[in-house]
Structure formats: C-alpha cells, structure tokens
Amino acid sequence: MFMDYEFEGYALKDGDKNYVKIPFNVWEICNDNVGDVPVKVCIEDICFQCKLEPIKNGYYNIPLTDEQAALFPEGKGKPMLFSVIGKEKEEPEKGPYSKENPIRKIDSMEILIQPWDGLCGQTVFAMLAGVSIDEASNIMHCREWQASMLKIINTLDYVGIRHADRIIYTGGKEVELPECCIIMENLGRFSHYLIGYKGSYYDPNKGIMKEFDKSNIKGYLEILTD
C-alpha cells in the first residue's frame, strides 16, 4: 500500500530558494534514498510532483516554486500531504492471512513489555497481532532498533490487520486520537512506538497508562477495528 503523510507545512526561504521542511524523519516511513525518486505533494487541493531535497540523516525539504510558496500566508502553515510515487509498490509477503482473514480481530488489547530497549516496534506489532515478541521479531524479519514504521506497516499488511492509508503528523498539537492507533512518540532522531486503544495507552516500556502527554506525539496511524 502506498501511504500518504499528512502534516502542517510552512514556506521558508533561503536566498532565492523556497522550500518546506518535512517535520519528521523520512527514512522512518519510506525507503532510503527517497530523494532520488519523485513524490506527489499536495498543499490543500493544489498538487504537484517534485524530488525531495536531502538535508542529512533522513531529513528532507520539499522545494517550492515562487507560485507554490505564494500559497502560504506569511508566517502561517497549511495542511500538506506527500506520498512517494517513483518506486514500485512493495507487495506484502504471501502468507495465510488477508484482510478478510486477519491474524485476529482487534476487540481487546493485552500489554506486553519489551525485554530490553530497541524492541518497541516489535512489541507494538505483537500486541496488535496477539503474538509474542519473539514471534513478532520473526514475522517482521528484524532485530532490535530495526522496526521502522514502514516495517510495521508492511507486516500489518502481511497478517491482514487493516489500517488507514495515511500517517498523520500532529507536531505536538492537541488531537483526538481514534479508537485504536499506533502512536509515534517524539524521542530523539526516531520514534518510540506505543498503542492508543479505547482511551488507554499501551507502552512497551511503562505498561498501561490512562494519561499521556499528547504534546510528545509526533504522529499516529489509525488501526481499523470495524
């Protein structure tokens, strides 16, 4: 599945160059070298194609023409979307599951605690899929510190767990979360993953929490439970 990435963007200028800084690490949700392929960008209902400009370590800018930059009121942001369109879609690995026959119906959640740092992505997937952390690591084909959001999404597809086709980046703003979602908590260069489910927060480090500081949320992906 090709994903959309939604965030609030601001037009910036450096000399004669206009650009929008993408406020998250692109490597976390796309393959490396995304700057070598085109992306589709939408500023509200105005869409165009371009190539991202790399900054360093997975951070990128979206280049703008003068006309595109003029769409932004001075000092104010606008809702934006981008999606990678220049690479072939990765089909999920064939398995015994499908959207019609998922690994489980998500109508409850049990907490799992990662045994050591670097396994929050595997632990979040394990809670959603109803498997152990070891089983999750085997299904995902990754070890500690390797479970990016892209890897989690591909593995959700493999086991038939349905999700939205858009990751929403909130930038720390107050937001009403869906009934079930993977939360990306701002934690340095990359994210810490936890689950929001029916008003509680299932954290692979801290256990079940009734309260969570939403200003620490980088973004979230809705998990569909209907």
C-alpha atoms as a PDB file:
ATOM      1  CA  MET A   1       0.000   0.000   0.000  1.00  0.00           C
ATOM      2  CA  PHE A   2       1.250   3.464  -0.849  1.00  0.00           C
ATOM      3  CA  MET A   3       0.914   5.736   2.159  1.00  0.00           C
ATOM      4  CA  ASP A   4       0.129   9.434   2.445  1.00  0.00           C
ATOM      5  CA  TYR A   5       1.895  11.525   5.074  1.00  0.00           C
ATOM      6  CA  GLU A   6      -0.068  14.484   6.427  1.00  0.00           C
ATOM      7  CA  PHE A   7       1.438  17.421   8.305  1.00  0.00           C
ATOM      8  CA  GLU A   8       1.277  21.190   8.649  1.00  0.00           C
ATOM      9  CA  GLY A   9       3.922  22.826   6.450  1.00  0.00           C
ATOM     10  CA  TYR A  10       5.449  26.293   6.419  1.00  0.00           C
ATOM     11  CA  ALA A  11       7.019  28.010   3.429  1.00  0.00           C
ATOM     12  CA  LEU A  12      10.620  29.030   4.142  1.00  0.00           C
ATOM     13  CA  LYS A  13      13.143  30.915   2.047  1.00  0.00           C
ATOM     14  CA  ASP A  14      16.921  30.673   1.761  1.00  0.00           C
ATOM     15  CA  GLY A  15      18.299  33.117  -0.784  1.00  0.00           C
ATOM     16  CA  ASP A  16      16.348  32.514  -3.965  1.00  0.00           C
ATOM     17  CA  LYS A  17      15.159  29.048  -2.857  1.00  0.00           C
ATOM     18  CA  ASN A  18      11.717  28.346  -1.441  1.00  0.00           C
ATOM     19  CA  TYR A  19      11.047  25.154   0.483  1.00  0.00           C
ATOM     20  CA  VAL A  20       9.038  23.368   3.163  1.00  0.00           C
ATOM     21  CA  LYS A  21      10.931  21.445   5.814  1.00  0.00           C
ATOM     22  CA  ILE A  22       9.407  17.991   6.382  1.00  0.00           C
ATOM     23  CA  PRO A  23       8.993  17.835  10.189  1.00  0.00           C
ATOM     24  CA  PHE A  24       9.858  14.153  10.616  1.00  0.00           C
ATOM     25  CA  ASN A  25      12.495  11.633   9.578  1.00  0.00           C
ATOM     26  CA  VAL A  26      11.530  10.319   6.150  1.00  0.00           C
ATOM     27  CA  TRP A  27      13.716   7.208   6.485  1.00  0.00           C
ATOM     28  CA  GLU A  28      11.436   6.114   9.315  1.00  0.00           C
ATOM     29  CA  ILE A  29       8.465   5.685   6.988  1.00  0.00           C
ATOM     30  CA  CYS A  30       9.976   5.390   3.492  1.00  0.00           C
ATOM     31  CA  ASN A  31      12.872   3.525   1.956  1.00  0.00           C
ATOM     32  CA  ASP A  32      16.285   5.174   1.978  1.00  0.00           C
ATOM     33  CA  ASN A  33      17.232   7.409  -0.961  1.00  0.00           C
ATOM     34  CA  VAL A  34      13.686   8.701  -1.315  1.00  0.00           C
ATOM     35  CA  GLY A  35      15.194  11.919  -2.665  1.00  0.00           C
ATOM     36  CA  ASP A  36      16.176  10.044  -5.830  1.00  0.00           C
ATOM     37  CA  VAL A  37      12.551   9.437  -6.828  1.00  0.00           C
ATOM     38  CA  PRO A  38       9.565  11.719  -7.339  1.00  0.00           C
ATOM     39  CA  VAL A  39       6.941  12.426  -4.728  1.00  0.00           C
ATOM     40  CA  LYS A  40       3.454  13.822  -5.056  1.00  0.00           C
ATOM     41  CA  VAL A  41       2.861  16.857  -2.846  1.00  0.00           C
ATOM     42  CA  CYS A  42      -0.487  18.498  -2.098  1.00  0.00           C
ATOM     43  CA  ILE A  43      -0.914  21.899  -0.468  1.00  0.00           C
ATOM     44  CA  GLU A  44      -4.599  21.681   0.388  1.00  0.00           C
ATOM     45  CA  ASP A  45      -6.119  20.946  -3.066  1.00  0.00           C
ATOM     46  CA  ILE A  46      -3.103  22.085  -5.146  1.00  0.00           C
ATOM     47  CA  CYS A  47      -0.939  19.096  -6.101  1.00  0.00           C
ATOM     48  CA  PHE A  48       2.381  18.767  -7.920  1.00  0.00           C
ATOM     49  CA  GLN A  49       5.316  16.402  -8.336  1.00  0.00           C
ATOM     50  CA  CYS A  50       8.913  17.055  -7.332  1.00  0.00           C
ATOM     51  CA  LYS A  51      12.002  15.384  -5.883  1.00  0.00           C
ATOM     52  CA  LEU A  52      12.769  15.859  -2.221  1.00  0.00           C
ATOM     53  CA  GLU A  53      15.974  17.685  -1.321  1.00  0.00           C
ATOM     54  CA  PRO A  54      18.032  15.791   1.290  1.00  0.00           C
ATOM     55  CA  ILE A  55      19.384  17.641   4.309  1.00  0.00           C
ATOM     56  CA  LYS A  56      21.046  14.818   6.262  1.00  0.00           C
ATOM     57  CA  ASN A  57      20.292  11.650   8.222  1.00  0.00           C
ATOM     58  CA  GLY A  58      16.820  11.121   6.777  1.00  0.00           C
ATOM     59  CA  TYR A  59      15.560  14.702   6.892  1.00  0.00           C
ATOM     60  CA  TYR A  60      14.373  16.374   3.683  1.00  0.00           C
ATOM     61  CA  ASN A  61      12.943  19.588   2.267  1.00  0.00           C
ATOM     62  CA  ILE A  62      10.175  19.942  -0.301  1.00  0.00           C
ATOM     63  CA  PRO A  63      11.286  22.504  -2.934  1.00  0.00           C
ATOM     64  CA  LEU A  64       8.724  25.133  -3.932  1.00  0.00           C
ATOM     65  CA  THR A  65       8.408  27.479  -6.879  1.00  0.00           C
ATOM     66  CA  ASP A  66       7.595  31.124  -6.215  1.00  0.00           C
ATOM     67  CA  GLU A  67       3.986  30.412  -7.194  1.00  0.00           C
ATOM     68  CA  GLN A  68       3.743  27.481  -4.799  1.00  0.00           C
ATOM     69  CA  ALA A  69       5.346  29.461  -1.966  1.00  0.00           C
ATOM     70  CA  ALA A  70       2.771  32.222  -2.523  1.00  0.00           C
ATOM     71  CA  LEU A  71       0.036  29.780  -1.468  1.00  0.00           C
ATOM     72  CA  PHE A  72       1.206  30.126   2.153  1.00  0.00           C
ATOM     73  CA  PRO A  73       0.072  33.152   4.186  1.00  0.00           C
ATOM     74  CA  GLU A  74       3.104  34.845   5.720  1.00  0.00           C
ATOM     75  CA  GLY A  75       4.134  33.101   8.922  1.00  0.00           C
ATOM     76  CA  LYS A  76       1.274  30.611   8.773  1.00  0.00           C
ATOM     77  CA  GLY A  77       1.195  26.937   7.926  1.00  0.00           C
ATOM     78  CA  LYS A  78      -1.020  24.967   5.594  1.00  0.00           C
ATOM     79  CA  PRO A  79      -2.178  21.325   5.612  1.00  0.00           C
ATOM     80  CA  MET A  80       0.074  19.270   3.351  1.00  0.00           C
ATOM     81  CA  LEU A  81       0.308  15.705   2.072  1.00  0.00           C
ATOM     82  CA  PHE A  82       3.069  13.878   0.294  1.00  0.00           C
ATOM     83  CA  SER A  83       3.469  10.342  -0.979  1.00  0.00           C
ATOM     84  CA  VAL A  84       6.301   8.542  -2.730  1.00  0.00           C
ATOM     85  CA  ILE A  85       5.293   7.744  -6.317  1.00  0.00           C
ATOM     86  CA  GLY A  86       8.580   6.925  -8.017  1.00  0.00           C
ATOM     87  CA  LYS A  87       9.113   3.414  -6.710  1.00  0.00           C
ATOM     88  CA  GLU A  88       7.227   0.240  -7.405  1.00  0.00           C
ATOM     89  CA  LYS A  89       4.783  -0.782  -4.736  1.00  0.00           C
ATOM     90  CA  GLU A  90       6.142  -3.451  -2.401  1.00  0.00           C
ATOM     91  CA  GLU A  91       3.658  -6.297  -2.307  1.00  0.00           C
ATOM     92  CA  PRO A  92       3.302  -7.916   1.133  1.00  0.00           C
ATOM     93  CA  GLU A  93       4.883 -11.331   1.554  1.00  0.00           C
ATOM     94  CA  LYS A  94       2.449 -14.112   0.753  1.00  0.00           C
ATOM     95  CA  GLY A  95       1.013 -15.779   3.831  1.00  0.00           C
ATOM     96  CA  PRO A  96      -2.066 -17.445   5.289  1.00  0.00           C
ATOM     97  CA  TYR A  97      -3.701 -14.117   6.213  1.00  0.00           C
ATOM     98  CA  SER A  98      -5.747 -11.473   4.423  1.00  0.00           C
ATOM     99  CA  LYS A  99      -7.950  -8.508   5.274  1.00  0.00           C
ATOM    100  CA  GLU A 100     -10.882 -10.933   5.170  1.00  0.00           C
ATOM    101  CA  ASN A 101      -8.986 -13.466   7.303  1.00  0.00           C
ATOM    102  CA  PRO A 102      -6.688 -11.485   9.641  1.00  0.00           C
ATOM    103  CA  ILE A 103      -4.456 -12.997  12.277  1.00  0.00           C
ATOM    104  CA  ARG A 104      -7.014 -11.777  14.839  1.00  0.00           C
ATOM    105  CA  LYS A 105      -9.930  -9.420  15.301  1.00  0.00           C
ATOM    106  CA  ILE A 106      -8.844  -6.447  17.384  1.00  0.00           C
ATOM    107  CA  ASP A 107     -11.518  -6.241  20.064  1.00  0.00           C
ATOM    108  CA  SER A 108      -9.206  -6.177  23.095  1.00  0.00           C
ATOM    109  CA  MET A 109      -5.605  -5.390  23.958  1.00  0.00           C
ATOM    110  CA  GLU A 110      -3.122  -7.064  26.307  1.00  0.00           C
ATOM    111  CA  ILE A 111       0.018  -5.295  27.430  1.00  0.00           C
ATOM    112  CA  LEU A 112       3.466  -6.618  26.581  1.00  0.00           C
ATOM    113  CA  ILE A 113       6.705  -5.134  27.927  1.00  0.00           C
ATOM    114  CA  GLN A 114       9.828  -5.166  25.778  1.00  0.00           C
ATOM    115  CA  PRO A 115      12.618  -7.139  27.486  1.00  0.00           C
ATOM    116  CA  TRP A 116      15.218  -4.523  26.504  1.00  0.00           C
ATOM    117  CA  ASP A 117      15.459  -1.272  24.575  1.00  0.00           C
ATOM    118  CA  GLY A 118      15.047  -1.270  20.812  1.00  0.00           C
ATOM    119  CA  LEU A 119      12.068  -3.609  20.573  1.00  0.00           C
ATOM    120  CA  CYS A 120       9.161  -1.174  20.878  1.00  0.00           C
ATOM    121  CA  GLY A 121       8.147  -1.630  17.228  1.00  0.00           C
ATOM    122  CA  GLN A 122       8.112  -5.423  17.528  1.00  0.00           C
ATOM    123  CA  THR A 123       6.243  -5.162  20.836  1.00  0.00           C
ATOM    124  CA  VAL A 124       3.562  -2.883  19.389  1.00  0.00           C
ATOM    125  CA  PHE A 125       3.063  -5.276  16.475  1.00  0.00           C
ATOM    126  CA  ALA A 126       2.946  -8.232  18.879  1.00  0.00           C
ATOM    127  CA  MET A 127       0.181  -6.569  20.926  1.00  0.00           C
ATOM    128  CA  LEU A 128      -1.863  -5.854  17.809  1.00  0.00           C
ATOM    129  CA  ALA A 129      -1.355  -9.315  16.307  1.00  0.00           C
ATOM    130  CA  GLY A 130      -1.761 -11.245  19.555  1.00  0.00           C
ATOM    131  CA  VAL A 131       1.621 -12.962  19.338  1.00  0.00           C
ATOM    132  CA  SER A 132       4.763 -12.996  21.471  1.00  0.00           C
ATOM    133  CA  ILE A 133       7.582 -10.512  20.960  1.00  0.00           C
ATOM    134  CA  ASP A 134       9.840 -13.306  19.686  1.00  0.00           C
ATOM    135  CA  GLU A 135       7.173 -14.350  17.180  1.00  0.00           C
ATOM    136  CA  ALA A 136       6.761 -10.721  16.123  1.00  0.00           C
ATOM    137  CA  SER A 137      10.504 -10.377  15.510  1.00  0.00           C
ATOM    138  CA  ASN A 138      10.460 -13.499  13.338  1.00  0.00           C
ATOM    139  CA  ILE A 139       7.422 -12.391  11.340  1.00  0.00           C
ATOM    140  CA  MET A 140       8.900  -8.911  10.845  1.00  0.00           C
ATOM    141  CA  HIS A 141      12.369 -10.251  10.000  1.00  0.00           C
ATOM    142  CA  CYS A 142      14.068  -7.618  12.145  1.00  0.00           C
ATOM    143  CA  ARG A 143      16.014  -7.285  15.365  1.00  0.00           C
ATOM    144  CA  GLU A 144      16.259  -4.505  17.925  1.00  0.00           C
ATOM    145  CA  TRP A 145      16.344  -0.933  16.547  1.00  0.00           C
ATOM    146  CA  GLN A 146      15.234  -2.186  13.095  1.00  0.00           C
ATOM    147  CA  ALA A 147      11.425  -1.935  13.335  1.00  0.00           C
ATOM    148  CA  SER A 148      10.672   1.268  11.428  1.00  0.00           C
ATOM    149  CA  MET A 149       7.104   2.397  10.802  1.00  0.00           C
ATOM    150  CA  LEU A 150       7.481   1.172   7.215  1.00  0.00           C
ATOM    151  CA  LYS A 151       8.406  -2.284   8.516  1.00  0.00           C
ATOM    152  CA  ILE A 152       5.458  -2.280  10.925  1.00  0.00           C
ATOM    153  CA  ILE A 153       3.014  -1.265   8.162  1.00  0.00           C
ATOM    154  CA  ASN A 154       4.282  -3.946   5.771  1.00  0.00           C
ATOM    155  CA  THR A 155       3.914  -6.580   8.481  1.00  0.00           C
ATOM    156  CA  LEU A 156       0.405  -5.406   9.392  1.00  0.00           C
ATOM    157  CA  ASP A 157      -0.463  -5.950   5.723  1.00  0.00           C
ATOM    158  CA  TYR A 158       1.082  -9.421   5.849  1.00  0.00           C
ATOM    159  CA  VAL A 159      -1.120 -10.518   8.778  1.00  0.00           C
ATOM    160  CA  GLY A 160      -4.270  -8.851   7.420  1.00  0.00           C
ATOM    161  CA  ILE A 161      -4.618  -6.125  10.062  1.00  0.00           C
ATOM    162  CA  ARG A 162      -6.307  -3.183   8.391  1.00  0.00           C
ATOM    163  CA  HIS A 163      -5.062   0.364   8.864  1.00  0.00           C
ATOM    164  CA  ALA A 164      -5.585   3.828   7.437  1.00  0.00           C
ATOM    165  CA  ASP A 165      -3.679   4.773   4.296  1.00  0.00           C
ATOM    166  CA  ARG A 166      -2.397   7.949   5.910  1.00  0.00           C
ATOM    167  CA  ILE A 167       0.001   8.719   8.764  1.00  0.00           C
ATOM    168  CA  ILE A 168      -1.000  11.967  10.456  1.00  0.00           C
ATOM    169  CA  TYR A 169       1.788  14.070  11.969  1.00  0.00           C
ATOM    170  CA  THR A 170       0.396  16.291  14.710  1.00  0.00           C
ATOM    171  CA  GLY A 171       3.538  18.213  15.639  1.00  0.00           C
ATOM    172  CA  GLY A 172       2.692  18.080  19.330  1.00  0.00           C
ATOM    173  CA  LYS A 173      -0.720  19.726  18.919  1.00  0.00           C
ATOM    174  CA  GLU A 174      -3.730  18.551  20.890  1.00  0.00           C
ATOM    175  CA  VAL A 175      -5.516  15.866  18.906  1.00  0.00           C
ATOM    176  CA  GLU A 176      -8.398  13.461  19.361  1.00  0.00           C
ATOM    177  CA  LEU A 177      -6.998  10.025  18.671  1.00  0.00           C
ATOM    178  CA  PRO A 178      -9.019   7.246  17.009  1.00  0.00           C
ATOM    179  CA  GLU A 179     -10.194   4.235  18.978  1.00  0.00           C
ATOM    180  CA  CYS A 180      -7.079   2.253  18.066  1.00  0.00           C
ATOM    181  CA  CYS A 181      -3.816   3.599  16.693  1.00  0.00           C
ATOM    182  CA  ILE A 182      -0.045   3.266  16.682  1.00  0.00           C
ATOM    183  CA  ILE A 183       1.400   6.382  18.285  1.00  0.00           C
ATOM    184  CA  MET A 184       4.809   7.686  17.319  1.00  0.00           C
ATOM    185  CA  GLU A 185       6.245   9.432  20.370  1.00  0.00           C
ATOM    186  CA  ASN A 186       8.927  12.046  19.799  1.00  0.00           C
ATOM    187  CA  LEU A 187      12.111  10.538  21.175  1.00  0.00           C
ATOM    188  CA  GLY A 188      15.222  11.955  19.552  1.00  0.00           C
ATOM    189  CA  ARG A 189      16.030  11.174  15.937  1.00  0.00           C
ATOM    190  CA  PHE A 190      13.475   8.392  15.614  1.00  0.00           C
ATOM    191  CA  SER A 191      10.247   7.461  17.381  1.00  0.00           C
ATOM    192  CA  HIS A 192       9.145   5.393  20.332  1.00  0.00           C
ATOM    193  CA  TYR A 193       6.051   3.365  19.461  1.00  0.00           C
ATOM    194  CA  LEU A 194       3.062   2.682  21.661  1.00  0.00           C
ATOM    195  CA  ILE A 195      -0.621   1.870  21.149  1.00  0.00           C
ATOM    196  CA  GLY A 196      -3.629   4.012  21.891  1.00  0.00           C
ATOM    197  CA  TYR A 197      -6.696   1.834  22.487  1.00  0.00           C
ATOM    198  CA  LYS A 198     -10.065   2.964  23.818  1.00  0.00           C
ATOM    199  CA  GLY A 199      -8.631   5.855  25.798  1.00  0.00           C
ATOM    200  CA  SER A 200      -5.700   3.978  27.346  1.00  0.00           C
ATOM    201  CA  TYR A 201      -2.074   3.888  26.247  1.00  0.00           C
ATOM    202  CA  TYR A 202      -0.155   0.627  25.957  1.00  0.00           C
ATOM    203  CA  ASP A 203       3.518   1.497  26.272  1.00  0.00           C
ATOM    204  CA  PRO A 204       6.165  -1.233  25.744  1.00  0.00           C
ATOM    205  CA  ASN A 205       8.268   0.458  28.449  1.00  0.00           C
ATOM    206  CA  LYS A 206       5.785   1.706  31.038  1.00  0.00           C
ATOM    207  CA  GLY A 207       2.788  -0.586  30.749  1.00  0.00           C
ATOM    208  CA  ILE A 208      -0.827   0.627  30.566  1.00  0.00           C
ATOM    209  CA  MET A 209      -1.306   4.337  31.152  1.00  0.00           C
ATOM    210  CA  LYS A 210      -4.554   6.282  31.481  1.00  0.00           C
ATOM    211  CA  GLU A 211      -2.852   9.612  30.792  1.00  0.00           C
ATOM    212  CA  PHE A 212      -0.323  10.561  28.120  1.00  0.00           C
ATOM    213  CA  ASP A 213       1.216  13.922  27.246  1.00  0.00           C
ATOM    214  CA  LYS A 214      -0.044  14.479  23.713  1.00  0.00           C
ATOM    215  CA  SER A 215       2.489  17.246  23.152  1.00  0.00           C
ATOM    216  CA  ASN A 216       5.028  14.407  22.816  1.00  0.00           C
ATOM    217  CA  ILE A 217       3.127  12.815  19.930  1.00  0.00           C
ATOM    218  CA  LYS A 218       4.920  13.071  16.605  1.00  0.00           C
ATOM    219  CA  GLY A 219       2.138  11.347  14.687  1.00  0.00           C
ATOM    220  CA  TYR A 220      -0.131   8.332  14.537  1.00  0.00           C
ATOM    221  CA  LEU A 221      -1.504   5.634  12.260  1.00  0.00           C
ATOM    222  CA  GLU A 222      -5.108   4.560  12.780  1.00  0.00           C
ATOM    223  CA  ILE A 223      -5.739   0.822  13.101  1.00  0.00           C
ATOM    224  CA  LEU A 224      -9.164  -0.093  11.734  1.00  0.00           C
ATOM    225  CA  THR A 225     -11.235  -2.279  14.041  1.00  0.00           C
ATOM    226  CA  ASP A 226     -14.685  -2.251  12.380  1.00  0.00           C
END
